[in-house]
Amino acid sequence: SDLRQVKNVENENVKFSGQMNFCSGWEWGYWIQEVMTARASWSVLGTSEGSQEDALREAFIPIVNTLAGRNLTSATMFSDFLIKYISVQKQLLINGTFDDD
């Protein structure tokens, strides 16, 4: 579920007090999801407005900036690569389809 939608459910009577994150460690880049999960535990970025890709790009900012040495061009290229990689993984592993573009 999108954490931004979960956050919108919280109010005075409903509070979420933790989460569980399972990771087998076998998938490529598992550490990225663990960093993003840990960061989201403390602060869900953005509102429920916008696409999941927009929220993902925003969540990637501190990670790709660190890895790219704050080089904006490199950070943008790395973020674009990760977005495409995630999309292809979902298409193949979740939807069971593959488009070789």
PDB file of N, CA and C in Angstrom:
ATOM      1  N   SER A   1       0.837  -1.185   0.000  1.00  0.00           N
ATOM      2  CA  SER A   1       0.000   0.000   0.000  1.00  0.00           C
ATOM      3  C   SER A   1       0.880   1.246   0.000  1.00  0.00           C
ATOM      4  N   ASP A   2       0.393   2.300  -0.562  1.00  0.00           N
ATOM      5  CA  ASP A   2       1.114   3.551  -0.633  1.00  0.00           C
ATOM      6  C   ASP A   2       1.116   4.199   0.751  1.00  0.00           C
ATOM      7  N   LEU A   3       2.299   4.456   1.310  1.00  0.00           N
ATOM      8  CA  LEU A   3       2.398   5.026   2.657  1.00  0.00           C
ATOM      9  C   LEU A   3       1.721   6.381   2.779  1.00  0.00           C
ATOM     10  N   ARG A   4       1.637   7.118   1.683  1.00  0.00           N
ATOM     11  CA  ARG A   4       0.975   8.418   1.738  1.00  0.00           C
ATOM     12  C   ARG A   4      -0.512   8.239   2.018  1.00  0.00           C
ATOM     13  N   GLN A   5      -1.119   7.177   1.464  1.00  0.00           N
ATOM     14  CA  GLN A   5      -2.535   6.901   1.719  1.00  0.00           C
ATOM     15  C   GLN A   5      -2.745   6.416   3.149  1.00  0.00           C
ATOM     16  N   VAL A   6      -1.823   5.599   3.633  1.00  0.00           N
ATOM     17  CA  VAL A   6      -1.907   5.121   5.017  1.00  0.00           C
ATOM     18  C   VAL A   6      -1.824   6.299   5.978  1.00  0.00           C
ATOM     19  N   LYS A   7      -0.917   7.220   5.708  1.00  0.00           N
ATOM     20  CA  LYS A   7      -0.753   8.394   6.576  1.00  0.00           C
ATOM     21  C   LYS A   7      -2.037   9.210   6.652  1.00  0.00           C
ATOM     22  N   ASN A   8      -2.764   9.305   5.543  1.00  0.00           N
ATOM     23  CA  ASN A   8      -4.001  10.083   5.521  1.00  0.00           C
ATOM     24  C   ASN A   8      -5.096   9.468   6.385  1.00  0.00           C
ATOM     25  N   VAL A   9      -4.995   8.191   6.723  1.00  0.00           N
ATOM     26  CA  VAL A   9      -5.983   7.517   7.572  1.00  0.00           C
ATOM     27  C   VAL A   9      -5.789   7.893   9.042  1.00  0.00           C
ATOM     28  N   GLU A  10      -4.540   8.227   9.401  1.00  0.00           N
ATOM     29  CA  GLU A  10      -4.255   8.564  10.794  1.00  0.00           C
ATOM     30  C   GLU A  10      -5.038   9.796  11.244  1.00  0.00           C
ATOM     31  N   ASN A  11      -5.516   9.725  12.480  1.00  0.00           N
ATOM     32  CA  ASN A  11      -6.172  10.865  13.121  1.00  0.00           C
ATOM     33  C   ASN A  11      -6.020  10.705  14.623  1.00  0.00           C
ATOM     34  N   GLU A  12      -6.819  11.411  15.413  1.00  0.00           N
ATOM     35  CA  GLU A  12      -6.689  11.326  16.867  1.00  0.00           C
ATOM     36  C   GLU A  12      -6.943   9.916  17.395  1.00  0.00           C
ATOM     37  N   ASN A  13      -7.850   9.192  16.760  1.00  0.00           N
ATOM     38  CA  ASN A  13      -8.233   7.856  17.228  1.00  0.00           C
ATOM     39  C   ASN A  13      -7.439   6.721  16.590  1.00  0.00           C
ATOM     40  N   VAL A  14      -6.842   6.972  15.453  1.00  0.00           N
ATOM     41  CA  VAL A  14      -6.111   5.938  14.722  1.00  0.00           C
ATOM     42  C   VAL A  14      -4.663   6.377  14.564  1.00  0.00           C
ATOM     43  N   LYS A  15      -3.746   5.648  15.191  1.00  0.00           N
ATOM     44  CA  LYS A  15      -2.317   5.932  15.079  1.00  0.00           C
ATOM     45  C   LYS A  15      -1.590   4.636  14.729  1.00  0.00           C
ATOM     46  N   PHE A  16      -0.673   4.715  13.820  1.00  0.00           N
ATOM     47  CA  PHE A  16       0.145   3.568  13.469  1.00  0.00           C
ATOM     48  C   PHE A  16       1.446   3.668  14.241  1.00  0.00           C
ATOM     49  N   SER A  17       1.845   2.570  14.862  1.00  0.00           N
ATOM     50  CA  SER A  17       3.016   2.639  15.745  1.00  0.00           C
ATOM     51  C   SER A  17       4.099   1.655  15.340  1.00  0.00           C
ATOM     52  N   GLY A  18       4.358   1.537  14.080  1.00  0.00           N
ATOM     53  CA  GLY A  18       5.441   0.671  13.648  1.00  0.00           C
ATOM     54  C   GLY A  18       5.108  -0.040  12.355  1.00  0.00           C
ATOM     55  N   GLN A  19       6.033  -0.845  11.924  1.00  0.00           N
ATOM     56  CA  GLN A  19       5.862  -1.607  10.692  1.00  0.00           C
ATOM     57  C   GLN A  19       6.849  -2.751  10.696  1.00  0.00           C
ATOM     58  N   MET A  20       6.637  -3.666   9.766  1.00  0.00           N
ATOM     59  CA  MET A  20       7.585  -4.766   9.573  1.00  0.00           C
ATOM     60  C   MET A  20       8.080  -4.688   8.147  1.00  0.00           C
ATOM     61  N   ASN A  21       9.345  -4.953   7.968  1.00  0.00           N
ATOM     62  CA  ASN A  21       9.932  -4.951   6.640  1.00  0.00           C
ATOM     63  C   ASN A  21      10.646  -6.273   6.446  1.00  0.00           C
ATOM     64  N   PHE A  22      10.202  -7.047   5.471  1.00  0.00           N
ATOM     65  CA  PHE A  22      10.870  -8.306   5.168  1.00  0.00           C
ATOM     66  C   PHE A  22      11.673  -8.145   3.895  1.00  0.00           C
ATOM     67  N   CYS A  23      12.893  -8.620   3.943  1.00  0.00           N
ATOM     68  CA  CYS A  23      13.749  -8.570   2.766  1.00  0.00           C
ATOM     69  C   CYS A  23      14.607  -9.828   2.760  1.00  0.00           C
ATOM     70  N   SER A  24      14.559 -10.564   1.672  1.00  0.00           N
ATOM     71  CA  SER A  24      15.344 -11.795   1.593  1.00  0.00           C
ATOM     72  C   SER A  24      16.832 -11.491   1.399  1.00  0.00           C
ATOM     73  N   GLY A  25      17.132 -10.308   0.864  1.00  0.00           N
ATOM     74  CA  GLY A  25      18.518  -9.951   0.617  1.00  0.00           C
ATOM     75  C   GLY A  25      19.043 -10.486  -0.710  1.00  0.00           C
ATOM     76  N   TRP A  26      18.221 -11.228  -1.428  1.00  0.00           N
ATOM     77  CA  TRP A  26      18.680 -11.803  -2.686  1.00  0.00           C
ATOM     78  C   TRP A  26      18.454 -10.885  -3.882  1.00  0.00           C
ATOM     79  N   GLU A  27      17.487 -10.016  -3.793  1.00  0.00           N
ATOM     80  CA  GLU A  27      17.209  -9.154  -4.940  1.00  0.00           C
ATOM     81  C   GLU A  27      18.262  -8.056  -5.054  1.00  0.00           C
ATOM     82  N   TRP A  28      18.521  -7.623  -6.285  1.00  0.00           N
ATOM     83  CA  TRP A  28      19.509  -6.571  -6.507  1.00  0.00           C
ATOM     84  C   TRP A  28      18.995  -5.295  -5.885  1.00  0.00           C
ATOM     85  N   GLY A  29      19.860  -4.586  -5.219  1.00  0.00           N
ATOM     86  CA  GLY A  29      19.492  -3.291  -4.678  1.00  0.00           C
ATOM     87  C   GLY A  29      18.626  -3.357  -3.440  1.00  0.00           C
ATOM     88  N   TYR A  30      18.631  -4.472  -2.738  1.00  0.00           N
ATOM     89  CA  TYR A  30      17.772  -4.603  -1.559  1.00  0.00           C
ATOM     90  C   TYR A  30      18.022  -3.495  -0.547  1.00  0.00           C
ATOM     91  N   TRP A  31      19.228  -3.009  -0.488  1.00  0.00           N
ATOM     92  CA  TRP A  31      19.560  -1.974   0.482  1.00  0.00           C
ATOM     93  C   TRP A  31      18.821  -0.672   0.191  1.00  0.00           C
ATOM     94  N   ILE A  32      18.487  -0.416  -1.067  1.00  0.00           N
ATOM     95  CA  ILE A  32      17.752   0.805  -1.403  1.00  0.00           C
ATOM     96  C   ILE A  32      16.363   0.769  -0.768  1.00  0.00           C
ATOM     97  N   GLN A  33      15.687  -0.373  -0.896  1.00  0.00           N
ATOM     98  CA  GLN A  33      14.350  -0.449  -0.301  1.00  0.00           C
ATOM     99  C   GLN A  33      14.428  -0.374   1.217  1.00  0.00           C
ATOM    100  N   GLU A  34      15.476  -0.911   1.807  1.00  0.00           N
ATOM    101  CA  GLU A  34      15.601  -0.835   3.258  1.00  0.00           C
ATOM    102  C   GLU A  34      15.853   0.598   3.725  1.00  0.00           C
ATOM    103  N   VAL A  35      16.668   1.349   2.994  1.00  0.00           N
ATOM    104  CA  VAL A  35      16.898   2.757   3.327  1.00  0.00           C
ATOM    105  C   VAL A  35      15.594   3.536   3.176  1.00  0.00           C
ATOM    106  N   MET A  36      14.877   3.302   2.096  1.00  0.00           N
ATOM    107  CA  MET A  36      13.633   4.031   1.864  1.00  0.00           C
ATOM    108  C   MET A  36      12.578   3.665   2.905  1.00  0.00           C
ATOM    109  N   THR A  37      12.515   2.393   3.292  1.00  0.00           N
ATOM    110  CA  THR A  37      11.560   1.970   4.314  1.00  0.00           C
ATOM    111  C   THR A  37      11.887   2.611   5.654  1.00  0.00           C
ATOM    112  N   ALA A  38      13.158   2.636   6.001  1.00  0.00           N
ATOM    113  CA  ALA A  38      13.558   3.254   7.265  1.00  0.00           C
ATOM    114  C   ALA A  38      13.237   4.745   7.265  1.00  0.00           C
ATOM    115  N   ARG A  39      13.521   5.424   6.161  1.00  0.00           N
ATOM    116  CA  ARG A  39      13.225   6.862   6.081  1.00  0.00           C
ATOM    117  C   ARG A  39      11.724   7.108   6.155  1.00  0.00           C
ATOM    118  N   ALA A  40      10.924   6.273   5.472  1.00  0.00           N
ATOM    119  CA  ALA A  40       9.468   6.431   5.473  1.00  0.00           C
ATOM    120  C   ALA A  40       8.872   6.159   6.846  1.00  0.00           C
ATOM    121  N   SER A  41       9.553   5.343   7.655  1.00  0.00           N
ATOM    122  CA  SER A  41       9.079   5.087   9.015  1.00  0.00           C
ATOM    123  C   SER A  41       9.076   6.359   9.840  1.00  0.00           C
ATOM    124  N   TRP A  42      10.012   7.238   9.541  1.00  0.00           N
ATOM    125  CA  TRP A  42      10.125   8.483  10.300  1.00  0.00           C
ATOM    126  C   TRP A  42       9.319   9.603   9.679  1.00  0.00           C
ATOM    127  N   SER A  43       9.260   9.617   8.359  1.00  0.00           N
ATOM    128  CA  SER A  43       8.570  10.721   7.698  1.00  0.00           C
ATOM    129  C   SER A  43       8.103  10.283   6.311  1.00  0.00           C
ATOM    130  N   VAL A  44       6.789  10.276   6.129  1.00  0.00           N
ATOM    131  CA  VAL A  44       6.233   9.970   4.815  1.00  0.00           C
ATOM    132  C   VAL A  44       6.290  11.253   3.996  1.00  0.00           C
ATOM    133  N   LEU A  45       6.964  11.189   2.867  1.00  0.00           N
ATOM    134  CA  LEU A  45       7.143  12.375   2.037  1.00  0.00           C
ATOM    135  C   LEU A  45       5.897  12.678   1.221  1.00  0.00           C
ATOM    136  N   GLY A  46       5.603  13.926   1.090  1.00  0.00           N
ATOM    137  CA  GLY A  46       4.546  14.366   0.194  1.00  0.00           C
ATOM    138  C   GLY A  46       3.153  14.079   0.697  1.00  0.00           C
ATOM    139  N   THR A  47       2.194  14.392  -0.152  1.00  0.00           N
ATOM    140  CA  THR A  47       0.792  14.151   0.141  1.00  0.00           C
ATOM    141  C   THR A  47       0.328  12.993  -0.725  1.00  0.00           C
ATOM    142  N   SER A  48      -0.933  12.635  -0.600  1.00  0.00           N
ATOM    143  CA  SER A  48      -1.450  11.553  -1.436  1.00  0.00           C
ATOM    144  C   SER A  48      -1.725  12.023  -2.862  1.00  0.00           C
ATOM    145  N   GLU A  49      -1.514  13.312  -3.111  1.00  0.00           N
ATOM    146  CA  GLU A  49      -1.666  13.850  -4.466  1.00  0.00           C
ATOM    147  C   GLU A  49      -0.471  13.415  -5.319  1.00  0.00           C
ATOM    148  N   GLY A  50      -0.666  13.324  -6.605  1.00  0.00           N
ATOM    149  CA  GLY A  50       0.426  12.956  -7.501  1.00  0.00           C
ATOM    150  C   GLY A  50       0.539  11.453  -7.648  1.00  0.00           C
ATOM    151  N   SER A  51       1.403  11.049  -8.531  1.00  0.00           N
ATOM    152  CA  SER A  51       1.554   9.626  -8.828  1.00  0.00           C
ATOM    153  C   SER A  51       2.521   8.953  -7.859  1.00  0.00           C
ATOM    154  N   GLN A  52       2.494   7.631  -7.868  1.00  0.00           N
ATOM    155  CA  GLN A  52       3.462   6.885  -7.069  1.00  0.00           C
ATOM    156  C   GLN A  52       4.874   7.139  -7.581  1.00  0.00           C
ATOM    157  N   GLU A  53       5.021   7.326  -8.894  1.00  0.00           N
ATOM    158  CA  GLU A  53       6.350   7.626  -9.442  1.00  0.00           C
ATOM    159  C   GLU A  53       6.872   8.955  -8.903  1.00  0.00           C
ATOM    160  N   ASP A  54       5.992   9.964  -8.797  1.00  0.00           N
ATOM    161  CA  ASP A  54       6.405  11.255  -8.230  1.00  0.00           C
ATOM    162  C   ASP A  54       6.883  11.085  -6.790  1.00  0.00           C
ATOM    163  N   ALA A  55       6.130  10.309  -6.004  1.00  0.00           N
ATOM    164  CA  ALA A  55       6.505  10.070  -4.605  1.00  0.00           C
ATOM    165  C   ALA A  55       7.821   9.309  -4.528  1.00  0.00           C
ATOM    166  N   LEU A  56       8.013   8.349  -5.422  1.00  0.00           N
ATOM    167  CA  LEU A  56       9.240   7.565  -5.455  1.00  0.00           C
ATOM    168  C   LEU A  56      10.432   8.446  -5.809  1.00  0.00           C
ATOM    169  N   ARG A  57      10.267   9.313  -6.800  1.00  0.00           N
ATOM    170  CA  ARG A  57      11.347  10.244  -7.170  1.00  0.00           C
ATOM    171  C   ARG A  57      11.733  11.131  -5.988  1.00  0.00           C
ATOM    172  N   GLU A  58      10.726  11.625  -5.270  1.00  0.00           N
ATOM    173  CA  GLU A  58      11.001  12.477  -4.111  1.00  0.00           C
ATOM    174  C   GLU A  58      11.737  11.695  -3.031  1.00  0.00           C
ATOM    175  N   ALA A  59      11.336  10.444  -2.818  1.00  0.00           N
ATOM    176  CA  ALA A  59      11.993   9.612  -1.807  1.00  0.00           C
ATOM    177  C   ALA A  59      13.428   9.267  -2.200  1.00  0.00           C
ATOM    178  N   PHE A  60      13.689   9.184  -3.492  1.00  0.00           N
ATOM    179  CA  PHE A  60      15.036   8.870  -3.982  1.00  0.00           C
ATOM    180  C   PHE A  60      16.026  10.031  -3.821  1.00  0.00           C
ATOM    181  N   ILE A  61      15.550  11.253  -3.713  1.00  0.00           N
ATOM    182  CA  ILE A  61      16.430  12.428  -3.739  1.00  0.00           C
ATOM    183  C   ILE A  61      17.627  12.303  -2.794  1.00  0.00           C
ATOM    184  N   PRO A  62      17.436  12.053  -1.491  1.00  0.00           N
ATOM    185  CA  PRO A  62      18.615  11.993  -0.621  1.00  0.00           C
ATOM    186  C   PRO A  62      19.539  10.819  -0.941  1.00  0.00           C
ATOM    187  N   ILE A  63      18.976   9.729  -1.437  1.00  0.00           N
ATOM    188  CA  ILE A  63      19.792   8.550  -1.745  1.00  0.00           C
ATOM    189  C   ILE A  63      20.641   8.798  -2.984  1.00  0.00           C
ATOM    190  N   VAL A  64      20.010   9.233  -4.078  1.00  0.00           N
ATOM    191  CA  VAL A  64      20.767   9.428  -5.322  1.00  0.00           C
ATOM    192  C   VAL A  64      21.723  10.607  -5.205  1.00  0.00           C
ATOM    193  N   ASN A  65      21.353  11.637  -4.432  1.00  0.00           N
ATOM    194  CA  ASN A  65      22.283  12.758  -4.236  1.00  0.00           C
ATOM    195  C   ASN A  65      23.544  12.301  -3.521  1.00  0.00           C
ATOM    196  N   THR A  66      23.388  11.445  -2.530  1.00  0.00           N
ATOM    197  CA  THR A  66      24.553  10.922  -1.806  1.00  0.00           C
ATOM    198  C   THR A  66      25.421  10.081  -2.720  1.00  0.00           C
ATOM    199  N   LEU A  67      24.802   9.181  -3.474  1.00  0.00           N
ATOM    200  CA  LEU A  67      25.559   8.284  -4.349  1.00  0.00           C
ATOM    201  C   LEU A  67      26.188   9.009  -5.531  1.00  0.00           C
ATOM    202  N   ALA A  68      25.554  10.095  -5.970  1.00  0.00           N
ATOM    203  CA  ALA A  68      26.065  10.833  -7.129  1.00  0.00           C
ATOM    204  C   ALA A  68      26.967  11.992  -6.712  1.00  0.00           C
ATOM    205  N   GLY A  69      27.309  12.078  -5.442  1.00  0.00           N
ATOM    206  CA  GLY A  69      28.172  13.159  -4.990  1.00  0.00           C
ATOM    207  C   GLY A  69      27.570  14.530  -5.224  1.00  0.00           C
ATOM    208  N   ARG A  70      26.258  14.613  -5.138  1.00  0.00           N
ATOM    209  CA  ARG A  70      25.501  15.851  -5.332  1.00  0.00           C
ATOM    210  C   ARG A  70      25.623  16.421  -6.744  1.00  0.00           C
ATOM    211  N   ASN A  71      26.049  15.584  -7.697  1.00  0.00           N
ATOM    212  CA  ASN A  71      26.088  15.978  -9.101  1.00  0.00           C
ATOM    213  C   ASN A  71      24.673  15.796  -9.655  1.00  0.00           C
ATOM    214  N   LEU A  72      23.990  16.896  -9.958  1.00  0.00           N
ATOM    215  CA  LEU A  72      22.586  16.860 -10.354  1.00  0.00           C
ATOM    216  C   LEU A  72      22.341  15.992 -11.582  1.00  0.00           C
ATOM    217  N   THR A  73      23.201  16.077 -12.579  1.00  0.00           N
ATOM    218  CA  THR A  73      23.031  15.276 -13.796  1.00  0.00           C
ATOM    219  C   THR A  73      23.129  13.792 -13.480  1.00  0.00           C
ATOM    220  N   SER A  74      24.140  13.405 -12.721  1.00  0.00           N
ATOM    221  CA  SER A  74      24.309  11.995 -12.342  1.00  0.00           C
ATOM    222  C   SER A  74      23.161  11.514 -11.464  1.00  0.00           C
ATOM    223  N   ALA A  75      22.732  12.357 -10.532  1.00  0.00           N
ATOM    224  CA  ALA A  75      21.631  11.991  -9.638  1.00  0.00           C
ATOM    225  C   ALA A  75      20.344  11.768 -10.431  1.00  0.00           C
ATOM    226  N   THR A  76      20.082  12.634 -11.402  1.00  0.00           N
ATOM    227  CA  THR A  76      18.884  12.497 -12.232  1.00  0.00           C
ATOM    228  C   THR A  76      18.957  11.227 -13.077  1.00  0.00           C
ATOM    229  N   MET A  77      20.122  10.963 -13.663  1.00  0.00           N
ATOM    230  CA  MET A  77      20.295   9.745 -14.471  1.00  0.00           C
ATOM    231  C   MET A  77      20.103   8.494 -13.614  1.00  0.00           C
ATOM    232  N   PHE A  78      20.660   8.497 -12.415  1.00  0.00           N
ATOM    233  CA  PHE A  78      20.545   7.343 -11.523  1.00  0.00           C
ATOM    234  C   PHE A  78      19.093   7.153 -11.096  1.00  0.00           C
ATOM    235  N   SER A  79      18.419   8.241 -10.760  1.00  0.00           N
ATOM    236  CA  SER A  79      17.012   8.167 -10.385  1.00  0.00           C
ATOM    237  C   SER A  79      16.168   7.639 -11.544  1.00  0.00           C
ATOM    238  N   ASP A  80      16.405   8.141 -12.752  1.00  0.00           N
ATOM    239  CA  ASP A  80      15.684   7.655 -13.941  1.00  0.00           C
ATOM    240  C   ASP A  80      15.907   6.161 -14.144  1.00  0.00           C
ATOM    241  N   PHE A  81      17.159   5.721 -13.965  1.00  0.00           N
ATOM    242  CA  PHE A  81      17.475   4.300 -14.103  1.00  0.00           C
ATOM    243  C   PHE A  81      16.692   3.465 -13.090  1.00  0.00           C
ATOM    244  N   LEU A  82      16.688   3.914 -11.831  1.00  0.00           N
ATOM    245  CA  LEU A  82      15.992   3.160 -10.785  1.00  0.00           C
ATOM    246  C   LEU A  82      14.490   3.096 -11.044  1.00  0.00           C
ATOM    247  N   ILE A  83      13.900   4.197 -11.478  1.00  0.00           N
ATOM    248  CA  ILE A  83      12.464   4.223 -11.792  1.00  0.00           C
ATOM    249  C   ILE A  83      12.158   3.226 -12.906  1.00  0.00           C
ATOM    250  N   LYS A  84      12.975   3.218 -13.955  1.00  0.00           N
ATOM    251  CA  LYS A  84      12.785   2.289 -15.074  1.00  0.00           C
ATOM    252  C   LYS A  84      12.986   0.844 -14.613  1.00  0.00           C
ATOM    253  N   TYR A  85      14.005   0.604 -13.805  1.00  0.00           N
ATOM    254  CA  TYR A  85      14.305  -0.736 -13.292  1.00  0.00           C
ATOM    255  C   TYR A  85      13.132  -1.264 -12.454  1.00  0.00           C
ATOM    256  N   ILE A  86      12.596  -0.423 -11.603  1.00  0.00           N
ATOM    257  CA  ILE A  86      11.458  -0.815 -10.769  1.00  0.00           C
ATOM    258  C   ILE A  86      10.248  -1.120 -11.640  1.00  0.00           C
ATOM    259  N   SER A  87      10.025  -0.302 -12.658  1.00  0.00           N
ATOM    260  CA  SER A  87       8.900  -0.508 -13.568  1.00  0.00           C
ATOM    261  C   SER A  87       9.024  -1.836 -14.320  1.00  0.00           C
ATOM    262  N   VAL A  88      10.225  -2.121 -14.815  1.00  0.00           N
ATOM    263  CA  VAL A  88      10.458  -3.369 -15.546  1.00  0.00           C
ATOM    264  C   VAL A  88      10.294  -4.575 -14.616  1.00  0.00           C
ATOM    265  N   GLN A  89      10.810  -4.469 -13.384  1.00  0.00           N
ATOM    266  CA  GLN A  89      10.642  -5.561 -12.416  1.00  0.00           C
ATOM    267  C   GLN A  89       9.167  -5.818 -12.140  1.00  0.00           C
ATOM    268  N   LYS A  90       8.409  -4.764 -11.932  1.00  0.00           N
ATOM    269  CA  LYS A  90       6.973  -4.928 -11.668  1.00  0.00           C
ATOM    270  C   LYS A  90       6.283  -5.569 -12.856  1.00  0.00           C
ATOM    271  N   GLN A  91       6.595  -5.071 -14.032  1.00  0.00           N
ATOM    272  CA  GLN A  91       5.983  -5.593 -15.258  1.00  0.00           C
ATOM    273  C   GLN A  91       6.256  -7.089 -15.396  1.00  0.00           C
ATOM    274  N   LEU A  92       7.492  -7.502 -15.184  1.00  0.00           N
ATOM    275  CA  LEU A  92       7.876  -8.900 -15.366  1.00  0.00           C
ATOM    276  C   LEU A  92       7.465  -9.778 -14.186  1.00  0.00           C
ATOM    277  N   LEU A  93       7.823  -9.359 -12.966  1.00  0.00           N
ATOM    278  CA  LEU A  93       7.649 -10.229 -11.798  1.00  0.00           C
ATOM    279  C   LEU A  93       6.233 -10.188 -11.217  1.00  0.00           C
ATOM    280  N   ILE A  94       5.530  -9.081 -11.357  1.00  0.00           N
ATOM    281  CA  ILE A  94       4.177  -8.979 -10.817  1.00  0.00           C
ATOM    282  C   ILE A  94       3.132  -9.222 -11.899  1.00  0.00           C
ATOM    283  N   ASN A  95       3.287  -8.526 -13.034  1.00  0.00           N
ATOM    284  CA  ASN A  95       2.286  -8.646 -14.103  1.00  0.00           C
ATOM    285  C   ASN A  95       2.534  -9.831 -15.022  1.00  0.00           C
ATOM    286  N   GLY A  96       3.758 -10.358 -15.023  1.00  0.00           N
ATOM    287  CA  GLY A  96       4.086 -11.503 -15.868  1.00  0.00           C
ATOM    288  C   GLY A  96       4.210 -11.168 -17.341  1.00  0.00           C
ATOM    289  N   THR A  97       4.488  -9.919 -17.656  1.00  0.00           N
ATOM    290  CA  THR A  97       4.662  -9.513 -19.047  1.00  0.00           C
ATOM    291  C   THR A  97       6.025  -8.881 -19.212  1.00  0.00           C
ATOM    292  N   PHE A  98       6.466  -8.776 -20.452  1.00  0.00           N
ATOM    293  CA  PHE A  98       7.760  -8.148 -20.710  1.00  0.00           C
ATOM    294  C   PHE A  98       7.709  -7.446 -22.049  1.00  0.00           C
ATOM    295  N   ASP A  99       8.108  -6.183 -22.056  1.00  0.00           N
ATOM    296  CA  ASP A  99       8.212  -5.381 -23.275  1.00  0.00           C
ATOM    297  C   ASP A  99       9.679  -5.030 -23.433  1.00  0.00           C
ATOM    298  N   ASP A 100      10.341  -5.490 -24.488  1.00  0.00           N
ATOM    299  CA  ASP A 100      11.787  -5.334 -24.618  1.00  0.00           C
ATOM    300  C   ASP A 100      12.233  -3.965 -25.104  1.00  0.00           C
ATOM    301  N   ASP A 101      11.430  -2.924 -24.926  1.00  0.00           N
ATOM    302  CA  ASP A 101      11.840  -1.562 -25.318  1.00  0.00           C
ATOM    303  C   ASP A 101      12.898  -1.034 -24.424  1.00  0.00           C
TER     304      ASP A 101
END
